[in-house]
Amino acid sequence: IALSIRRNIELGLREHGQRNRDELRQITEKVLRDVGLWDEVQNRLDQSALELSGGQQQRLCIARAIALKPQVLLMDEPCSALDPLAAEHVEKLIQSMRGQYTIIIVTHNLAQARRLADNIAVFWTRDSVGEIVEHGPTETLFGASSNEIVKSYLSGRRG
């Protein structure tokens, strides 16, 4: 969001009634540390978030979300516009958060899904309506799916 780094973190907190400056500072530092950004941005919190790299912006988005202490994080293509190094950094962050949050990721990146997911749901469109055609443990779907659509999609024969 085209705000300062600090305001990006505070945005949701303020919307939920958090006004205490000391608490806002503490939460901001904590979540930026949690996503591995604090050392990179601590001296420029009042600069525009748009000056951050793509990977840093993605980690800032995650920090903004976890500042609200959600039970579930929904991530839509969290690494789609990132270079391989930044994507790896974000994937490691996601893996590190697995025990703290339920994480739902929407992705077309099958390799990433295989690396990150415990379970997968494969959506497909039939008669202009999207539906889940199969769901289950990641390795089961990649290794031995009983659904022909899923087998051909996950093997790269269908897209």
C-alpha atoms as a PDB file:
ATOM      1  CA  ILE A   1       0.000   0.000   0.000  1.00  0.00           C
ATOM      2  CA  ALA A   2       1.366   3.435  -0.900  1.00  0.00           C
ATOM      3  CA  LEU A   3       2.012   4.453   2.697  1.00  0.00           C
ATOM      4  CA  SER A   4       5.109   4.478   4.853  1.00  0.00           C
ATOM      5  CA  ILE A   5       6.417   1.162   6.100  1.00  0.00           C
ATOM      6  CA  ARG A   6       5.227   2.061   9.611  1.00  0.00           C
ATOM      7  CA  ARG A   7       1.737   3.089   8.443  1.00  0.00           C
ATOM      8  CA  ASN A   8       1.393  -0.158   6.505  1.00  0.00           C
ATOM      9  CA  ILE A   9       1.732  -2.103   9.750  1.00  0.00           C
ATOM     10  CA  GLU A  10      -0.403   0.301  11.778  1.00  0.00           C
ATOM     11  CA  LEU A  11      -3.243   0.461   9.249  1.00  0.00           C
ATOM     12  CA  GLY A  12      -5.170  -2.610  10.372  1.00  0.00           C
ATOM     13  CA  LEU A  13      -4.309  -2.078  14.015  1.00  0.00           C
ATOM     14  CA  ARG A  14      -5.737   1.444  13.971  1.00  0.00           C
ATOM     15  CA  GLU A  15      -8.849   0.213  12.144  1.00  0.00           C
ATOM     16  CA  HIS A  16      -9.340  -2.230  15.023  1.00  0.00           C
ATOM     17  CA  GLY A  17      -9.040   0.484  17.663  1.00  0.00           C
ATOM     18  CA  GLN A  18      -5.353   0.307  18.587  1.00  0.00           C
ATOM     19  CA  ARG A  19      -4.206   3.861  19.319  1.00  0.00           C
ATOM     20  CA  ASN A  20      -1.485   3.534  21.963  1.00  0.00           C
ATOM     21  CA  ARG A  21       1.760   4.724  20.328  1.00  0.00           C
ATOM     22  CA  ASP A  22       4.046   2.568  22.460  1.00  0.00           C
ATOM     23  CA  GLU A  23       2.016  -0.544  21.691  1.00  0.00           C
ATOM     24  CA  LEU A  24       1.941   0.331  17.988  1.00  0.00           C
ATOM     25  CA  ARG A  25       5.748   0.683  18.023  1.00  0.00           C
ATOM     26  CA  GLN A  26       6.188  -2.621  19.852  1.00  0.00           C
ATOM     27  CA  ILE A  27       3.848  -4.500  17.535  1.00  0.00           C
ATOM     28  CA  THR A  28       5.477  -2.947  14.471  1.00  0.00           C
ATOM     29  CA  GLU A  29       8.947  -4.011  15.569  1.00  0.00           C
ATOM     30  CA  LYS A  30       7.773  -7.496  16.549  1.00  0.00           C
ATOM     31  CA  VAL A  31       6.025  -8.317  13.274  1.00  0.00           C
ATOM     32  CA  LEU A  32       8.828  -6.834  11.182  1.00  0.00           C
ATOM     33  CA  ARG A  33      11.251  -9.045  13.118  1.00  0.00           C
ATOM     34  CA  ASP A  34       8.930 -12.023  12.633  1.00  0.00           C
ATOM     35  CA  VAL A  35       9.072 -11.639   8.837  1.00  0.00           C
ATOM     36  CA  GLY A  36      12.801 -10.874   8.768  1.00  0.00           C
ATOM     37  CA  LEU A  37      12.472  -7.223   7.768  1.00  0.00           C
ATOM     38  CA  TRP A  38      13.399  -5.308  10.913  1.00  0.00           C
ATOM     39  CA  ASP A  39      17.151  -5.172  10.299  1.00  0.00           C
ATOM     40  CA  GLU A  40      16.542  -4.073   6.705  1.00  0.00           C
ATOM     41  CA  VAL A  41      14.058  -1.264   7.441  1.00  0.00           C
ATOM     42  CA  GLN A  42      14.406  -0.158  11.072  1.00  0.00           C
ATOM     43  CA  ASN A  43      16.063   3.139  10.094  1.00  0.00           C
ATOM     44  CA  ARG A  44      13.568   3.997   7.366  1.00  0.00           C
ATOM     45  CA  LEU A  45      10.156   3.178   8.795  1.00  0.00           C
ATOM     46  CA  ASP A  46       8.773   6.504   7.607  1.00  0.00           C
ATOM     47  CA  GLN A  47       9.823   5.971   3.989  1.00  0.00           C
ATOM     48  CA  SER A  48       7.333   4.798   1.411  1.00  0.00           C
ATOM     49  CA  ALA A  49       6.784   1.058   1.275  1.00  0.00           C
ATOM     50  CA  LEU A  50       6.915   1.417  -2.504  1.00  0.00           C
ATOM     51  CA  GLU A  51      10.694   1.914  -2.190  1.00  0.00           C
ATOM     52  CA  LEU A  52      11.071  -1.672  -0.954  1.00  0.00           C
ATOM     53  CA  SER A  53      11.978  -4.524  -3.290  1.00  0.00           C
ATOM     54  CA  GLY A  54       9.226  -6.898  -4.377  1.00  0.00           C
ATOM     55  CA  GLY A  55      10.252  -9.521  -1.844  1.00  0.00           C
ATOM     56  CA  GLN A  56      10.406  -6.951   0.930  1.00  0.00           C
ATOM     57  CA  GLN A  57       6.960  -5.638  -0.037  1.00  0.00           C
ATOM     58  CA  GLN A  58       5.562  -9.161   0.125  1.00  0.00           C
ATOM     59  CA  ARG A  59       7.047  -9.704   3.587  1.00  0.00           C
ATOM     60  CA  LEU A  60       5.619  -6.321   4.637  1.00  0.00           C
ATOM     61  CA  CYS A  61       2.169  -7.478   3.500  1.00  0.00           C
ATOM     62  CA  ILE A  62       2.550 -10.600   5.621  1.00  0.00           C
ATOM     63  CA  ALA A  63       3.693  -8.486   8.595  1.00  0.00           C
ATOM     64  CA  ARG A  64       0.649  -6.226   8.180  1.00  0.00           C
ATOM     65  CA  ALA A  65      -1.608  -9.288   8.256  1.00  0.00           C
ATOM     66  CA  ILE A  66      -0.017 -11.020  11.246  1.00  0.00           C
ATOM     67  CA  ALA A  67      -0.047  -7.797  13.275  1.00  0.00           C
ATOM     68  CA  LEU A  68      -3.770  -8.492  13.719  1.00  0.00           C
ATOM     69  CA  LYS A  69      -3.072 -11.988  15.104  1.00  0.00           C
ATOM     70  CA  PRO A  70      -5.348 -13.861  12.708  1.00  0.00           C
ATOM     71  CA  GLN A  71      -6.025 -17.573  12.968  1.00  0.00           C
ATOM     72  CA  VAL A  72      -5.936 -17.978   9.186  1.00  0.00           C
ATOM     73  CA  LEU A  73      -3.761 -16.366   6.512  1.00  0.00           C
ATOM     74  CA  LEU A  74      -5.063 -16.413   2.937  1.00  0.00           C
ATOM     75  CA  MET A  75      -2.317 -15.801   0.395  1.00  0.00           C
ATOM     76  CA  ASP A  76      -3.104 -15.335  -3.282  1.00  0.00           C
ATOM     77  CA  GLU A  77      -0.052 -16.163  -5.426  1.00  0.00           C
ATOM     78  CA  PRO A  78       2.383 -14.975  -2.720  1.00  0.00           C
ATOM     79  CA  CYS A  79       5.462 -15.339  -4.936  1.00  0.00           C
ATOM     80  CA  SER A  80       4.074 -14.714  -8.423  1.00  0.00           C
ATOM     81  CA  ALA A  81       5.983 -11.515  -9.242  1.00  0.00           C
ATOM     82  CA  LEU A  82       9.151 -12.279  -7.316  1.00  0.00           C
ATOM     83  CA  ASP A  83      12.597 -13.286  -8.511  1.00  0.00           C
ATOM     84  CA  PRO A  84      13.702 -16.801  -7.452  1.00  0.00           C
ATOM     85  CA  LEU A  85      15.741 -15.571  -4.477  1.00  0.00           C
ATOM     86  CA  ALA A  86      12.921 -13.403  -3.101  1.00  0.00           C
ATOM     87  CA  ALA A  87      10.431 -16.227  -3.704  1.00  0.00           C
ATOM     88  CA  GLU A  88      12.640 -18.615  -1.748  1.00  0.00           C
ATOM     89  CA  HIS A  89      12.799 -16.114   1.128  1.00  0.00           C
ATOM     90  CA  VAL A  90       8.985 -15.790   1.197  1.00  0.00           C
ATOM     91  CA  GLU A  91       8.556 -19.579   0.997  1.00  0.00           C
ATOM     92  CA  LYS A  92      10.892 -20.031   3.974  1.00  0.00           C
ATOM     93  CA  LEU A  93       8.870 -17.433   5.867  1.00  0.00           C
ATOM     94  CA  ILE A  94       5.636 -19.281   5.055  1.00  0.00           C
ATOM     95  CA  GLN A  95       7.180 -22.564   6.199  1.00  0.00           C
ATOM     96  CA  SER A  96       8.303 -20.967   9.454  1.00  0.00           C
ATOM     97  CA  MET A  97       4.738 -19.792  10.182  1.00  0.00           C
ATOM     98  CA  ARG A  98       3.076 -23.182   9.625  1.00  0.00           C
ATOM     99  CA  GLY A  99       2.681 -23.993  13.307  1.00  0.00           C
ATOM    100  CA  GLN A 100       1.283 -20.583  14.218  1.00  0.00           C
ATOM    101  CA  TYR A 101      -1.391 -20.098  11.555  1.00  0.00           C
ATOM    102  CA  THR A 102      -3.622 -22.020   9.232  1.00  0.00           C
ATOM    103  CA  ILE A 103      -2.277 -20.908   5.856  1.00  0.00           C
ATOM    104  CA  ILE A 104      -4.299 -21.161   2.671  1.00  0.00           C
ATOM    105  CA  ILE A 105      -2.361 -20.461  -0.518  1.00  0.00           C
ATOM    106  CA  VAL A 106      -3.862 -19.988  -3.954  1.00  0.00           C
ATOM    107  CA  THR A 107      -1.217 -20.794  -6.560  1.00  0.00           C
ATOM    108  CA  HIS A 108      -0.713 -22.074 -10.072  1.00  0.00           C
ATOM    109  CA  ASN A 109       2.898 -22.893  -9.214  1.00  0.00           C
ATOM    110  CA  LEU A 110       2.745 -26.659  -8.789  1.00  0.00           C
ATOM    111  CA  ALA A 111       6.319 -26.987  -7.533  1.00  0.00           C
ATOM    112  CA  GLN A 112       5.618 -24.376  -4.876  1.00  0.00           C
ATOM    113  CA  ALA A 113       2.383 -26.102  -3.874  1.00  0.00           C
ATOM    114  CA  ARG A 114       4.257 -29.357  -3.483  1.00  0.00           C
ATOM    115  CA  ARG A 115       6.958 -27.703  -1.356  1.00  0.00           C
ATOM    116  CA  LEU A 116       4.603 -25.778   0.933  1.00  0.00           C
ATOM    117  CA  ALA A 117       1.319 -27.642   1.238  1.00  0.00           C
ATOM    118  CA  ASP A 118       0.324 -30.404   3.604  1.00  0.00           C
ATOM    119  CA  ASN A 119      -2.972 -30.717   1.747  1.00  0.00           C
ATOM    120  CA  ILE A 120      -4.118 -29.617  -1.694  1.00  0.00           C
ATOM    121  CA  ALA A 121      -7.525 -28.884  -3.174  1.00  0.00           C
ATOM    122  CA  VAL A 122      -7.634 -28.876  -6.974  1.00  0.00           C
ATOM    123  CA  PHE A 123     -10.266 -26.579  -8.445  1.00  0.00           C
ATOM    124  CA  TRP A 124     -11.533 -27.055 -11.992  1.00  0.00           C
ATOM    125  CA  THR A 125     -14.157 -25.347 -14.108  1.00  0.00           C
ATOM    126  CA  ARG A 126     -17.025 -27.405 -15.503  1.00  0.00           C
ATOM    127  CA  ASP A 127     -19.919 -25.790 -17.325  1.00  0.00           C
ATOM    128  CA  SER A 128     -18.599 -22.354 -16.273  1.00  0.00           C
ATOM    129  CA  VAL A 129     -18.733 -23.303 -12.595  1.00  0.00           C
ATOM    130  CA  GLY A 130     -15.642 -23.831 -10.484  1.00  0.00           C
ATOM    131  CA  GLU A 131     -15.572 -26.841  -8.212  1.00  0.00           C
ATOM    132  CA  ILE A 132     -13.163 -28.854  -6.139  1.00  0.00           C
ATOM    133  CA  VAL A 133     -12.469 -32.007  -8.138  1.00  0.00           C
ATOM    134  CA  GLU A 134     -10.184 -33.591  -5.556  1.00  0.00           C
ATOM    135  CA  HIS A 135      -8.529 -32.753  -2.263  1.00  0.00           C
ATOM    136  CA  GLY A 136      -6.216 -34.557   0.074  1.00  0.00           C
ATOM    137  CA  PRO A 137      -2.631 -34.898   1.261  1.00  0.00           C
ATOM    138  CA  THR A 138      -0.143 -33.324  -1.131  1.00  0.00           C
ATOM    139  CA  GLU A 139       1.913 -36.430  -1.795  1.00  0.00           C
ATOM    140  CA  THR A 140      -1.213 -38.522  -2.375  1.00  0.00           C
ATOM    141  CA  LEU A 141      -2.495 -36.168  -5.045  1.00  0.00           C
ATOM    142  CA  PHE A 142       0.886 -35.762  -6.718  1.00  0.00           C
ATOM    143  CA  GLY A 143       1.710 -39.453  -6.475  1.00  0.00           C
ATOM    144  CA  ALA A 144      -1.473 -41.406  -6.924  1.00  0.00           C
ATOM    145  CA  SER A 145      -4.505 -39.280  -7.673  1.00  0.00           C
ATOM    146  CA  SER A 146      -7.512 -41.274  -8.807  1.00  0.00           C
ATOM    147  CA  ASN A 147      -8.956 -38.314 -10.709  1.00  0.00           C
ATOM    148  CA  GLU A 148      -7.922 -38.079 -14.375  1.00  0.00           C
ATOM    149  CA  ILE A 149      -8.177 -34.262 -14.437  1.00  0.00           C
ATOM    150  CA  VAL A 150      -5.966 -33.983 -11.362  1.00  0.00           C
ATOM    151  CA  LYS A 151      -3.419 -36.491 -12.669  1.00  0.00           C
ATOM    152  CA  SER A 152      -3.096 -34.718 -16.000  1.00  0.00           C
ATOM    153  CA  TYR A 153      -2.946 -31.249 -14.398  1.00  0.00           C
ATOM    154  CA  LEU A 154      -0.388 -32.133 -11.735  1.00  0.00           C
ATOM    155  CA  SER A 155       1.782 -33.951 -14.277  1.00  0.00           C
ATOM    156  CA  GLY A 156       1.733 -30.933 -16.603  1.00  0.00           C
ATOM    157  CA  ARG A 157      -0.240 -32.590 -19.406  1.00  0.00           C
ATOM    158  CA  ARG A 158      -3.225 -30.322 -18.825  1.00  0.00           C
ATOM    159  CA  GLY A 159      -3.267 -26.718 -17.864  1.00  0.00           C
END
